[in-house]
Amino acid sequence: MIKLTRKQYEIEEPIQVEDESGNLLVDYIVKITPEEKLQIRDIIFDEQDVKDGRKLAKLEKEGKTDEYELLENNVLERAKARQEKFEKIVFKEERENIKQKAGESIYLDLVDTMFDFFVNAFVDKRVSQMNTLTTSLRKISNK
């Protein structure tokens, strides 16, 4: 029997930012619902980026600078929009509060750290699945 439990929050990760004296500037718990987790996965693993990356390489090789620059600008605009969406999902209404208390630089470091956290979580899950599959196939072929 396979049993799964649906939780209100799929991920609850505390974040704290302190100043040099050890005073707590930010104390926030990132709470991500299952639906938000799917949105984050789609933000991180955007298939259009892969397609556009190939197209950019082709345009550069062909020397089509106008088309290249146009596509590059579109890619950058989409990336900015995805980052904004990511920040809204992860930090919700606390975004401005965190920026104000910790500063823009620390806030951007937090965005990067959380992005890496989710990339690692999704990649680790895939790697674990592949390792299980490989092990199972070896067991089957040894019988």
N, C-alpha and C. Protein backbone atom coordinates (compact mmCIF):
# COMPACT_ATOMS: atom_id res chain seq x y z
N MET A 1 0.84 -1.18 0.00
CA MET A 1 0.00 0.00 0.00
C MET A 1 0.88 1.24 0.00
N ILE A 2 0.54 2.18 -0.83
CA ILE A 2 1.23 3.46 -0.88
C ILE A 2 0.36 4.48 -0.17
N LYS A 3 0.97 5.17 0.77
CA LYS A 3 0.22 6.16 1.53
C LYS A 3 0.97 7.49 1.50
N LEU A 4 0.28 8.52 1.06
CA LEU A 4 0.86 9.86 1.03
C LEU A 4 0.03 10.77 1.92
N THR A 5 0.69 11.70 2.56
CA THR A 5 0.00 12.65 3.42
C THR A 5 0.10 14.03 2.80
N ARG A 6 -1.04 14.64 2.60
CA ARG A 6 -1.05 16.01 2.08
C ARG A 6 -0.96 16.97 3.26
N LYS A 7 0.02 17.82 3.18
CA LYS A 7 0.23 18.80 4.24
C LYS A 7 -0.21 20.18 3.75
N GLN A 8 -0.53 21.03 4.72
CA GLN A 8 -0.87 22.40 4.34
C GLN A 8 0.34 23.07 3.71
N TYR A 9 1.52 22.85 4.32
CA TYR A 9 2.76 23.41 3.77
C TYR A 9 3.70 22.26 3.47
N GLU A 10 4.15 22.20 2.25
CA GLU A 10 5.08 21.19 1.79
C GLU A 10 6.48 21.47 2.36
N ILE A 11 6.79 22.75 2.46
CA ILE A 11 8.11 23.18 2.95
C ILE A 11 7.91 24.28 3.97
N GLU A 12 8.57 24.14 5.10
CA GLU A 12 8.62 25.21 6.12
C GLU A 12 10.09 25.36 6.50
N GLU A 13 10.69 26.43 6.04
CA GLU A 13 12.12 26.64 6.24
C GLU A 13 12.36 27.98 6.92
N PRO A 14 12.92 27.95 8.14
CA PRO A 14 13.18 29.22 8.83
C PRO A 14 14.38 29.97 8.23
N ILE A 15 14.25 31.28 8.21
CA ILE A 15 15.33 32.16 7.74
C ILE A 15 15.57 33.20 8.82
N GLN A 16 16.82 33.38 9.16
CA GLN A 16 17.17 34.42 10.12
C GLN A 16 18.35 35.22 9.57
N VAL A 17 18.29 36.52 9.78
CA VAL A 17 19.37 37.41 9.39
C VAL A 17 19.74 38.20 10.64
N GLU A 18 21.05 38.18 10.93
CA GLU A 18 21.56 38.92 12.10
C GLU A 18 22.55 39.97 11.63
N ASP A 19 22.70 41.02 12.44
CA ASP A 19 23.74 42.00 12.14
C ASP A 19 25.05 41.50 12.76
N GLU A 20 26.10 42.29 12.62
CA GLU A 20 27.42 41.88 13.11
C GLU A 20 27.45 41.66 14.61
N SER A 21 26.58 42.34 15.33
CA SER A 21 26.54 42.21 16.79
C SER A 21 25.70 41.02 17.24
N GLY A 22 25.09 40.33 16.30
CA GLY A 22 24.25 39.18 16.64
C GLY A 22 22.80 39.54 16.89
N ASN A 23 22.44 40.80 16.65
CA ASN A 23 21.05 41.21 16.80
C ASN A 23 20.22 40.67 15.63
N LEU A 24 19.09 40.12 15.95
CA LEU A 24 18.22 39.53 14.94
C LEU A 24 17.51 40.62 14.14
N LEU A 25 17.76 40.65 12.84
CA LEU A 25 17.12 41.62 11.96
C LEU A 25 15.87 41.04 11.31
N VAL A 26 15.97 39.79 10.89
CA VAL A 26 14.87 39.13 10.21
C VAL A 26 14.69 37.73 10.77
N ASP A 27 13.46 37.39 11.09
CA ASP A 27 13.12 36.04 11.54
C ASP A 27 11.84 35.67 10.79
N TYR A 28 12.00 34.85 9.77
CA TYR A 28 10.89 34.56 8.86
C TYR A 28 10.88 33.07 8.56
N ILE A 29 9.71 32.50 8.45
CA ILE A 29 9.59 31.10 8.07
C ILE A 29 8.98 31.05 6.67
N VAL A 30 9.75 30.50 5.73
CA VAL A 30 9.26 30.31 4.37
C VAL A 30 8.28 29.14 4.43
N LYS A 31 7.05 29.40 4.01
CA LYS A 31 6.01 28.37 4.00
C LYS A 31 5.52 28.21 2.57
N ILE A 32 5.73 27.02 2.02
CA ILE A 32 5.40 26.75 0.63
C ILE A 32 4.35 25.64 0.57
N THR A 33 3.22 25.95 -0.07
CA THR A 33 2.15 24.97 -0.24
C THR A 33 2.53 24.02 -1.39
N PRO A 34 1.84 22.89 -1.50
CA PRO A 34 2.12 21.98 -2.63
C PRO A 34 1.96 22.67 -3.99
N GLU A 35 0.95 23.51 -4.14
CA GLU A 35 0.74 24.21 -5.40
C GLU A 35 1.87 25.19 -5.70
N GLU A 36 2.33 25.88 -4.66
CA GLU A 36 3.44 26.82 -4.83
C GLU A 36 4.72 26.08 -5.19
N LYS A 37 4.89 24.90 -4.63
CA LYS A 37 6.07 24.10 -4.94
C LYS A 37 6.11 23.74 -6.42
N LEU A 38 4.95 23.41 -6.98
CA LEU A 38 4.88 23.12 -8.41
C LEU A 38 5.19 24.36 -9.24
N GLN A 39 4.70 25.51 -8.80
CA GLN A 39 4.99 26.76 -9.51
C GLN A 39 6.49 27.05 -9.49
N ILE A 40 7.12 26.82 -8.34
CA ILE A 40 8.56 27.05 -8.22
C ILE A 40 9.33 26.11 -9.14
N ARG A 41 8.91 24.85 -9.19
CA ARG A 41 9.57 23.89 -10.09
C ARG A 41 9.48 24.38 -11.54
N ASP A 42 8.31 24.88 -11.93
CA ASP A 42 8.14 25.37 -13.30
C ASP A 42 8.98 26.62 -13.56
N ILE A 43 9.14 27.45 -12.55
CA ILE A 43 9.98 28.65 -12.68
C ILE A 43 11.44 28.25 -12.89
N ILE A 44 11.90 27.28 -12.11
CA ILE A 44 13.30 26.88 -12.16
C ILE A 44 13.63 26.13 -13.45
N PHE A 45 12.77 25.20 -13.82
CA PHE A 45 13.02 24.36 -14.99
C PHE A 45 12.14 24.79 -16.16
N ASP A 46 12.38 25.98 -16.65
CA ASP A 46 11.60 26.55 -17.74
C ASP A 46 12.11 25.99 -19.07
N GLU A 47 11.28 25.24 -19.76
CA GLU A 47 11.66 24.62 -21.02
C GLU A 47 11.94 25.65 -22.11
N GLN A 48 11.26 26.77 -22.04
CA GLN A 48 11.46 27.81 -23.06
C GLN A 48 12.89 28.34 -23.02
N ASP A 49 13.50 28.38 -21.84
CA ASP A 49 14.89 28.83 -21.73
C ASP A 49 15.83 27.92 -22.51
N VAL A 50 15.59 26.62 -22.44
CA VAL A 50 16.43 25.67 -23.16
C VAL A 50 16.29 25.89 -24.66
N LYS A 51 15.05 26.02 -25.12
CA LYS A 51 14.80 26.25 -26.55
C LYS A 51 15.45 27.56 -27.01
N ASP A 52 15.26 28.60 -26.21
CA ASP A 52 15.82 29.90 -26.57
C ASP A 52 17.34 29.89 -26.52
N GLY A 53 17.91 29.15 -25.60
CA GLY A 53 19.37 29.03 -25.53
C GLY A 53 19.94 28.42 -26.80
N ARG A 54 19.28 27.39 -27.29
CA ARG A 54 19.71 26.76 -28.55
C ARG A 54 19.57 27.74 -29.72
N LYS A 55 18.44 28.44 -29.72
CA LYS A 55 18.18 29.39 -30.80
C LYS A 55 19.19 30.54 -30.76
N LEU A 56 19.53 31.01 -29.55
CA LEU A 56 20.53 32.08 -29.42
C LEU A 56 21.88 31.63 -29.98
N ALA A 57 22.26 30.40 -29.64
CA ALA A 57 23.54 29.87 -30.14
C ALA A 57 23.54 29.80 -31.66
N LYS A 58 22.42 29.38 -32.23
CA LYS A 58 22.29 29.29 -33.68
C LYS A 58 22.36 30.67 -34.33
N LEU A 59 21.62 31.64 -33.76
CA LEU A 59 21.63 33.00 -34.30
C LEU A 59 23.01 33.62 -34.21
N GLU A 60 23.71 33.37 -33.12
CA GLU A 60 25.06 33.93 -32.96
C GLU A 60 26.00 33.32 -34.00
N LYS A 61 25.87 32.04 -34.20
CA LYS A 61 26.72 31.34 -35.17
C LYS A 61 26.46 31.85 -36.59
N GLU A 62 25.19 32.16 -36.87
CA GLU A 62 24.81 32.66 -38.19
C GLU A 62 25.07 34.16 -38.36
N GLY A 63 25.44 34.82 -37.26
CA GLY A 63 25.74 36.25 -37.32
C GLY A 63 24.52 37.15 -37.43
N LYS A 64 23.38 36.67 -37.03
CA LYS A 64 22.14 37.46 -37.09
C LYS A 64 22.00 38.27 -35.79
N THR A 65 22.70 39.40 -35.74
CA THR A 65 22.79 40.16 -34.51
C THR A 65 21.47 40.81 -34.09
N ASP A 66 20.70 41.30 -35.04
CA ASP A 66 19.42 41.94 -34.69
C ASP A 66 18.46 40.94 -34.05
N GLU A 67 18.32 39.78 -34.68
CA GLU A 67 17.44 38.74 -34.14
C GLU A 67 17.97 38.24 -32.80
N TYR A 68 19.29 38.12 -32.72
CA TYR A 68 19.93 37.66 -31.48
C TYR A 68 19.62 38.61 -30.33
N GLU A 69 19.80 39.90 -30.56
CA GLU A 69 19.56 40.90 -29.51
C GLU A 69 18.10 40.93 -29.10
N LEU A 70 17.19 40.80 -30.04
CA LEU A 70 15.77 40.79 -29.74
C LEU A 70 15.41 39.59 -28.86
N LEU A 71 15.88 38.42 -29.26
CA LEU A 71 15.60 37.20 -28.48
C LEU A 71 16.26 37.28 -27.11
N GLU A 72 17.48 37.80 -27.06
CA GLU A 72 18.19 37.94 -25.78
C GLU A 72 17.41 38.86 -24.84
N ASN A 73 16.89 39.95 -25.36
CA ASN A 73 16.08 40.86 -24.53
C ASN A 73 14.82 40.18 -24.03
N ASN A 74 14.18 39.39 -24.89
CA ASN A 74 12.98 38.65 -24.48
C ASN A 74 13.31 37.65 -23.37
N VAL A 75 14.43 36.97 -23.51
CA VAL A 75 14.86 36.00 -22.50
C VAL A 75 15.11 36.70 -21.16
N LEU A 76 15.77 37.84 -21.21
CA LEU A 76 16.05 38.59 -19.98
C LEU A 76 14.77 39.09 -19.32
N GLU A 77 13.83 39.58 -20.12
CA GLU A 77 12.55 40.06 -19.56
C GLU A 77 11.78 38.91 -18.91
N ARG A 78 11.76 37.75 -19.57
CA ARG A 78 11.09 36.59 -18.99
C ARG A 78 11.77 36.15 -17.70
N ALA A 79 13.10 36.21 -17.67
CA ALA A 79 13.84 35.83 -16.47
C ALA A 79 13.52 36.77 -15.31
N LYS A 80 13.44 38.06 -15.60
CA LYS A 80 13.08 39.03 -14.56
C LYS A 80 11.68 38.76 -14.02
N ALA A 81 10.75 38.47 -14.91
CA ALA A 81 9.37 38.18 -14.50
C ALA A 81 9.32 36.91 -13.65
N ARG A 82 10.09 35.89 -14.04
CA ARG A 82 10.11 34.65 -13.25
C ARG A 82 10.74 34.87 -11.89
N GLN A 83 11.79 35.70 -11.83
CA GLN A 83 12.41 35.98 -10.52
C GLN A 83 11.42 36.71 -9.62
N GLU A 84 10.69 37.65 -10.18
CA GLU A 84 9.68 38.40 -9.42
C GLU A 84 8.63 37.44 -8.87
N LYS A 85 8.17 36.53 -9.72
CA LYS A 85 7.17 35.54 -9.30
C LYS A 85 7.73 34.64 -8.20
N PHE A 86 8.99 34.22 -8.37
CA PHE A 86 9.66 33.38 -7.37
C PHE A 86 9.71 34.10 -6.02
N GLU A 87 10.12 35.36 -6.04
CA GLU A 87 10.22 36.15 -4.81
C GLU A 87 8.85 36.28 -4.14
N LYS A 88 7.81 36.51 -4.93
CA LYS A 88 6.46 36.65 -4.37
C LYS A 88 6.00 35.36 -3.72
N ILE A 89 6.31 34.24 -4.33
CA ILE A 89 5.91 32.95 -3.75
C ILE A 89 6.67 32.67 -2.47
N VAL A 90 7.98 32.87 -2.50
CA VAL A 90 8.83 32.50 -1.35
C VAL A 90 8.68 33.47 -0.19
N PHE A 91 8.72 34.75 -0.46
CA PHE A 91 8.75 35.73 0.62
C PHE A 91 7.40 36.42 0.87
N LYS A 92 6.46 36.17 -0.01
CA LYS A 92 5.09 36.69 0.12
C LYS A 92 5.08 38.17 0.49
N GLU A 93 4.28 38.54 1.47
CA GLU A 93 4.14 39.95 1.83
C GLU A 93 5.32 40.48 2.66
N GLU A 94 6.27 39.62 2.98
CA GLU A 94 7.43 40.05 3.79
C GLU A 94 8.59 40.59 2.96
N ARG A 95 8.45 40.60 1.65
CA ARG A 95 9.55 41.01 0.77
C ARG A 95 10.10 42.39 1.15
N GLU A 96 9.25 43.38 1.18
CA GLU A 96 9.69 44.75 1.46
C GLU A 96 10.21 44.88 2.89
N ASN A 97 9.58 44.18 3.81
CA ASN A 97 10.02 44.20 5.21
C ASN A 97 11.44 43.65 5.34
N ILE A 98 11.71 42.55 4.65
CA ILE A 98 13.06 41.96 4.69
C ILE A 98 14.06 42.91 4.07
N LYS A 99 13.72 43.51 2.92
CA LYS A 99 14.62 44.47 2.27
C LYS A 99 14.92 45.64 3.19
N GLN A 100 13.89 46.14 3.86
CA GLN A 100 14.05 47.30 4.74
C GLN A 100 14.94 46.96 5.94
N LYS A 101 14.71 45.82 6.55
CA LYS A 101 15.45 45.48 7.77
C LYS A 101 16.86 44.96 7.49
N ALA A 102 17.02 44.16 6.43
CA ALA A 102 18.31 43.53 6.17
C ALA A 102 19.11 44.23 5.08
N GLY A 103 18.43 44.98 4.23
CA GLY A 103 19.11 45.65 3.12
C GLY A 103 18.93 44.87 1.82
N GLU A 104 19.04 45.60 0.72
CA GLU A 104 18.82 45.03 -0.62
C GLU A 104 19.82 43.91 -0.93
N SER A 105 21.08 44.11 -0.56
CA SER A 105 22.11 43.12 -0.86
C SER A 105 21.84 41.79 -0.15
N ILE A 106 21.50 41.85 1.12
CA ILE A 106 21.20 40.63 1.88
C ILE A 106 19.93 39.98 1.34
N TYR A 107 18.95 40.79 0.97
CA TYR A 107 17.71 40.26 0.40
C TYR A 107 18.02 39.47 -0.88
N LEU A 108 18.85 40.04 -1.75
CA LEU A 108 19.21 39.35 -2.99
C LEU A 108 19.99 38.07 -2.71
N ASP A 109 20.83 38.10 -1.67
CA ASP A 109 21.53 36.87 -1.25
C ASP A 109 20.53 35.81 -0.79
N LEU A 110 19.49 36.25 -0.07
CA LEU A 110 18.45 35.32 0.37
C LEU A 110 17.70 34.73 -0.83
N VAL A 111 17.41 35.54 -1.82
CA VAL A 111 16.74 35.05 -3.03
C VAL A 111 17.61 33.98 -3.69
N ASP A 112 18.91 34.26 -3.84
CA ASP A 112 19.83 33.29 -4.44
C ASP A 112 19.89 32.01 -3.62
N THR A 113 19.97 32.16 -2.31
CA THR A 113 20.06 31.00 -1.43
C THR A 113 18.80 30.14 -1.53
N MET A 114 17.65 30.78 -1.54
CA MET A 114 16.40 30.02 -1.65
C MET A 114 16.28 29.38 -3.03
N PHE A 115 16.72 30.05 -4.06
CA PHE A 115 16.70 29.47 -5.40
C PHE A 115 17.56 28.21 -5.42
N ASP A 116 18.78 28.31 -4.87
CA ASP A 116 19.67 27.15 -4.79
C ASP A 116 19.05 26.03 -3.96
N PHE A 117 18.39 26.40 -2.87
CA PHE A 117 17.72 25.42 -2.01
C PHE A 117 16.71 24.60 -2.81
N PHE A 118 15.90 25.28 -3.61
CA PHE A 118 14.88 24.57 -4.39
C PHE A 118 15.49 23.78 -5.53
N VAL A 119 16.49 24.32 -6.20
CA VAL A 119 17.16 23.57 -7.26
C VAL A 119 17.72 22.27 -6.68
N ASN A 120 18.42 22.38 -5.57
CA ASN A 120 19.00 21.19 -4.94
C ASN A 120 17.92 20.19 -4.53
N ALA A 121 16.82 20.69 -3.99
CA ALA A 121 15.74 19.80 -3.56
C ALA A 121 15.16 19.03 -4.74
N PHE A 122 14.92 19.71 -5.85
CA PHE A 122 14.35 19.05 -7.02
C PHE A 122 15.35 18.11 -7.67
N VAL A 123 16.60 18.53 -7.76
CA VAL A 123 17.62 17.68 -8.38
C VAL A 123 17.89 16.45 -7.51
N ASP A 124 18.01 16.64 -6.19
CA ASP A 124 18.24 15.51 -5.29
C ASP A 124 17.13 14.47 -5.40
N LYS A 125 15.90 14.94 -5.54
CA LYS A 125 14.77 14.02 -5.67
C LYS A 125 14.90 13.20 -6.95
N ARG A 126 15.23 13.85 -8.05
CA ARG A 126 15.41 13.14 -9.33
C ARG A 126 16.57 12.15 -9.26
N VAL A 127 17.68 12.56 -8.68
CA VAL A 127 18.85 11.68 -8.57
C VAL A 127 18.50 10.47 -7.72
N SER A 128 17.80 10.68 -6.64
CA SER A 128 17.38 9.58 -5.77
C SER A 128 16.49 8.60 -6.54
N GLN A 129 15.57 9.13 -7.32
CA GLN A 129 14.69 8.27 -8.12
C GLN A 129 15.49 7.46 -9.13
N MET A 130 16.46 8.11 -9.78
CA MET A 130 17.27 7.41 -10.78
C MET A 130 18.13 6.34 -10.12
N ASN A 131 18.68 6.62 -8.94
CA ASN A 131 19.49 5.63 -8.23
C ASN A 131 18.65 4.42 -7.84
N THR A 132 17.43 4.67 -7.38
CA THR A 132 16.52 3.58 -7.02
C THR A 132 16.19 2.74 -8.25
N LEU A 133 15.91 3.39 -9.36
CA LEU A 133 15.60 2.69 -10.60
C LEU A 133 16.78 1.84 -11.06
N THR A 134 17.97 2.41 -11.02
CA THR A 134 19.17 1.69 -11.44
C THR A 134 19.40 0.47 -10.55
N THR A 135 19.26 0.64 -9.24
CA THR A 135 19.45 -0.46 -8.30
C THR A 135 18.42 -1.56 -8.55
N SER A 136 17.17 -1.16 -8.77
CA SER A 136 16.11 -2.12 -9.03
C SER A 136 16.36 -2.89 -10.31
N LEU A 137 16.82 -2.20 -11.35
CA LEU A 137 17.13 -2.87 -12.61
C LEU A 137 18.27 -3.86 -12.46
N ARG A 138 19.27 -3.51 -11.68
CA ARG A 138 20.39 -4.44 -11.44
C ARG A 138 19.88 -5.70 -10.72
N LYS A 139 19.04 -5.51 -9.72
CA LYS A 139 18.51 -6.66 -9.00
C LYS A 139 17.70 -7.57 -9.92
N ILE A 140 16.90 -6.96 -10.78
CA ILE A 140 16.09 -7.75 -11.71
C ILE A 140 16.97 -8.50 -12.70
N SER A 141 18.00 -7.84 -13.22
CA SER A 141 18.86 -8.49 -14.22
C SER A 141 19.75 -9.57 -13.62
N ASN A 142 19.98 -9.51 -12.31
CA ASN A 142 20.82 -10.53 -11.64
C ASN A 142 20.04 -11.79 -11.31
N LYS A 143 18.71 -11.77 -11.44
CA LYS A 143 17.91 -12.94 -11.09
C LYS A 143 17.87 -13.93 -12.21
